[in-house]
Amino acid sequence: MKESGAHGSPYLLIWIYLVVLALASVAASIVLPKVPAELAIYFLALVKAALVAMYFMHLKVERFFIHSLSLIPLALVLVLFLGVLQDVVFNR
């Protein structure tokens, strides 16, 4: 990625990427049918979350240990998701 600004910080460029991805999410919800739109929006949300984590949370320059610490909340979300999945699927 091309560095921008006096100190080499790409914050403005990343912000522009985030705005474009947000607009793409809105466009997907308008143009695409429901299921493909939801999949596209989820994918774009993951990309936006990765950009925020890498640049605004400075994980791009951290060591692997810090990256592995970010996996703990993801594991907890997976446990919670699997915990309520049965209720969502069978109690409609």
C-alpha atoms as a PDB file:
ATOM      1  CA  MET A   1       0.000   0.000   0.000  1.00  0.00           C
ATOM      2  CA  LYS A   2       1.261   3.420  -0.834  1.00  0.00           C
ATOM      3  CA  GLU A   3       2.186   5.541   2.158  1.00  0.00           C
ATOM      4  CA  SER A   4       0.616   8.976   2.377  1.00  0.00           C
ATOM      5  CA  GLY A   5       1.023  12.013   4.583  1.00  0.00           C
ATOM      6  CA  ALA A   6       4.058  13.653   6.110  1.00  0.00           C
ATOM      7  CA  HIS A   7       4.678  10.863   8.623  1.00  0.00           C
ATOM      8  CA  GLY A   8       3.928   8.019   6.251  1.00  0.00           C
ATOM      9  CA  SER A   9       0.557   7.241   7.817  1.00  0.00           C
ATOM     10  CA  PRO A  10      -2.058   5.887   5.414  1.00  0.00           C
ATOM     11  CA  TYR A  11      -5.047   6.853   7.575  1.00  0.00           C
ATOM     12  CA  LEU A  12      -6.774   9.015   4.984  1.00  0.00           C
ATOM     13  CA  LEU A  13      -6.372   6.368   2.305  1.00  0.00           C
ATOM     14  CA  ILE A  14      -7.721   3.657   4.625  1.00  0.00           C
ATOM     15  CA  TRP A  15     -10.642   5.906   5.546  1.00  0.00           C
ATOM     16  CA  ILE A  16     -11.440   6.338   1.845  1.00  0.00           C
ATOM     17  CA  TYR A  17     -11.311   2.545   1.408  1.00  0.00           C
ATOM     18  CA  LEU A  18     -13.709   2.155   4.329  1.00  0.00           C
ATOM     19  CA  VAL A  19     -16.141   4.678   2.849  1.00  0.00           C
ATOM     20  CA  VAL A  20     -16.015   2.953  -0.542  1.00  0.00           C
ATOM     21  CA  LEU A  21     -16.610  -0.438   1.081  1.00  0.00           C
ATOM     22  CA  ALA A  22     -19.529   0.978   3.080  1.00  0.00           C
ATOM     23  CA  LEU A  23     -21.054   2.370  -0.108  1.00  0.00           C
ATOM     24  CA  ALA A  24     -20.513  -1.001  -1.780  1.00  0.00           C
ATOM     25  CA  SER A  25     -22.431  -2.624   1.084  1.00  0.00           C
ATOM     26  CA  VAL A  26     -25.341  -0.254   0.575  1.00  0.00           C
ATOM     27  CA  ALA A  27     -25.260  -0.829  -3.178  1.00  0.00           C
ATOM     28  CA  ALA A  28     -25.228  -4.600  -2.661  1.00  0.00           C
ATOM     29  CA  SER A  29     -28.300  -4.377  -0.452  1.00  0.00           C
ATOM     30  CA  ILE A  30     -30.138  -2.438  -3.160  1.00  0.00           C
ATOM     31  CA  VAL A  31     -29.008  -4.296  -6.282  1.00  0.00           C
ATOM     32  CA  LEU A  32     -28.577  -7.931  -5.246  1.00  0.00           C
ATOM     33  CA  PRO A  33     -31.230 -10.397  -4.083  1.00  0.00           C
ATOM     34  CA  LYS A  34     -31.461 -11.016  -0.337  1.00  0.00           C
ATOM     35  CA  VAL A  35     -29.104 -13.971   0.215  1.00  0.00           C
ATOM     36  CA  PRO A  36     -26.274 -12.849  -2.113  1.00  0.00           C
ATOM     37  CA  ALA A  37     -26.587  -9.331  -0.699  1.00  0.00           C
ATOM     38  CA  GLU A  38     -26.223 -10.612   2.846  1.00  0.00           C
ATOM     39  CA  LEU A  39     -23.180 -12.679   1.894  1.00  0.00           C
ATOM     40  CA  ALA A  40     -21.598  -9.712   0.133  1.00  0.00           C
ATOM     41  CA  ILE A  41     -22.300  -7.428   3.086  1.00  0.00           C
ATOM     42  CA  TYR A  42     -20.786  -9.924   5.539  1.00  0.00           C
ATOM     43  CA  PHE A  43     -17.694 -10.295   3.360  1.00  0.00           C
ATOM     44  CA  LEU A  44     -17.299  -6.528   3.048  1.00  0.00           C
ATOM     45  CA  ALA A  45     -17.726  -6.185   6.814  1.00  0.00           C
ATOM     46  CA  LEU A  46     -14.889  -8.665   7.342  1.00  0.00           C
ATOM     47  CA  VAL A  47     -12.675  -6.696   4.969  1.00  0.00           C
ATOM     48  CA  LYS A  48     -13.513  -3.442   6.769  1.00  0.00           C
ATOM     49  CA  ALA A  49     -12.833  -5.031  10.156  1.00  0.00           C
ATOM     50  CA  ALA A  50      -9.474  -6.296   8.917  1.00  0.00           C
ATOM     51  CA  LEU A  51      -8.533  -2.835   7.641  1.00  0.00           C
ATOM     52  CA  VAL A  52      -9.487  -1.225  10.946  1.00  0.00           C
ATOM     53  CA  ALA A  53      -7.581  -3.841  12.934  1.00  0.00           C
ATOM     54  CA  MET A  54      -4.467  -3.630  10.787  1.00  0.00           C
ATOM     55  CA  TYR A  55      -4.160   0.126  10.488  1.00  0.00           C
ATOM     56  CA  PHE A  56      -6.152   1.911  13.196  1.00  0.00           C
ATOM     57  CA  MET A  57      -5.365  -0.660  15.891  1.00  0.00           C
ATOM     58  CA  HIS A  58      -1.771  -0.963  14.592  1.00  0.00           C
ATOM     59  CA  LEU A  59      -1.873  -4.755  14.372  1.00  0.00           C
ATOM     60  CA  LYS A  60      -0.007  -4.627  11.089  1.00  0.00           C
ATOM     61  CA  VAL A  61       3.246  -3.926  12.912  1.00  0.00           C
ATOM     62  CA  GLU A  62       2.679  -6.139  15.962  1.00  0.00           C
ATOM     63  CA  ARG A  63       4.160  -9.536  16.610  1.00  0.00           C
ATOM     64  CA  PHE A  64       2.321 -12.840  16.249  1.00  0.00           C
ATOM     65  CA  PHE A  65       1.509 -13.005  19.973  1.00  0.00           C
ATOM     66  CA  ILE A  66      -0.659  -9.899  19.764  1.00  0.00           C
ATOM     67  CA  HIS A  67      -2.378 -11.301  16.674  1.00  0.00           C
ATOM     68  CA  SER A  68      -3.084 -14.538  18.515  1.00  0.00           C
ATOM     69  CA  LEU A  69      -4.677 -12.593  21.376  1.00  0.00           C
ATOM     70  CA  SER A  70      -7.245 -11.283  18.922  1.00  0.00           C
ATOM     71  CA  LEU A  71      -8.323 -14.868  18.239  1.00  0.00           C
ATOM     72  CA  ILE A  72      -9.692 -15.305  21.773  1.00  0.00           C
ATOM     73  CA  PRO A  73     -12.745 -13.051  21.244  1.00  0.00           C
ATOM     74  CA  LEU A  74     -13.368 -14.722  17.894  1.00  0.00           C
ATOM     75  CA  ALA A  75     -13.402 -18.110  19.604  1.00  0.00           C
ATOM     76  CA  LEU A  76     -15.870 -16.797  22.185  1.00  0.00           C
ATOM     77  CA  VAL A  77     -18.122 -15.463  19.436  1.00  0.00           C
ATOM     78  CA  LEU A  78     -18.016 -18.868  17.759  1.00  0.00           C
ATOM     79  CA  VAL A  79     -18.986 -20.586  21.029  1.00  0.00           C
ATOM     80  CA  LEU A  80     -21.874 -18.167  21.539  1.00  0.00           C
ATOM     81  CA  PHE A  81     -22.979 -18.579  17.931  1.00  0.00           C
ATOM     82  CA  LEU A  82     -22.971 -22.359  18.183  1.00  0.00           C
ATOM     83  CA  GLY A  83     -24.771 -22.115  21.519  1.00  0.00           C
ATOM     84  CA  VAL A  84     -27.745 -20.250  20.079  1.00  0.00           C
ATOM     85  CA  LEU A  85     -27.724 -21.907  16.660  1.00  0.00           C
ATOM     86  CA  GLN A  86     -29.932 -24.758  17.809  1.00  0.00           C
ATOM     87  CA  ASP A  87     -32.552 -22.348  19.154  1.00  0.00           C
ATOM     88  CA  VAL A  88     -32.533 -20.316  15.974  1.00  0.00           C
ATOM     89  CA  VAL A  89     -32.778 -23.319  13.663  1.00  0.00           C
ATOM     90  CA  PHE A  90     -35.378 -25.384  15.513  1.00  0.00           C
ATOM     91  CA  ASN A  91     -37.578 -22.708  17.119  1.00  0.00           C
ATOM     92  CA  ARG A  92     -38.713 -20.682  14.143  1.00  0.00           C
END
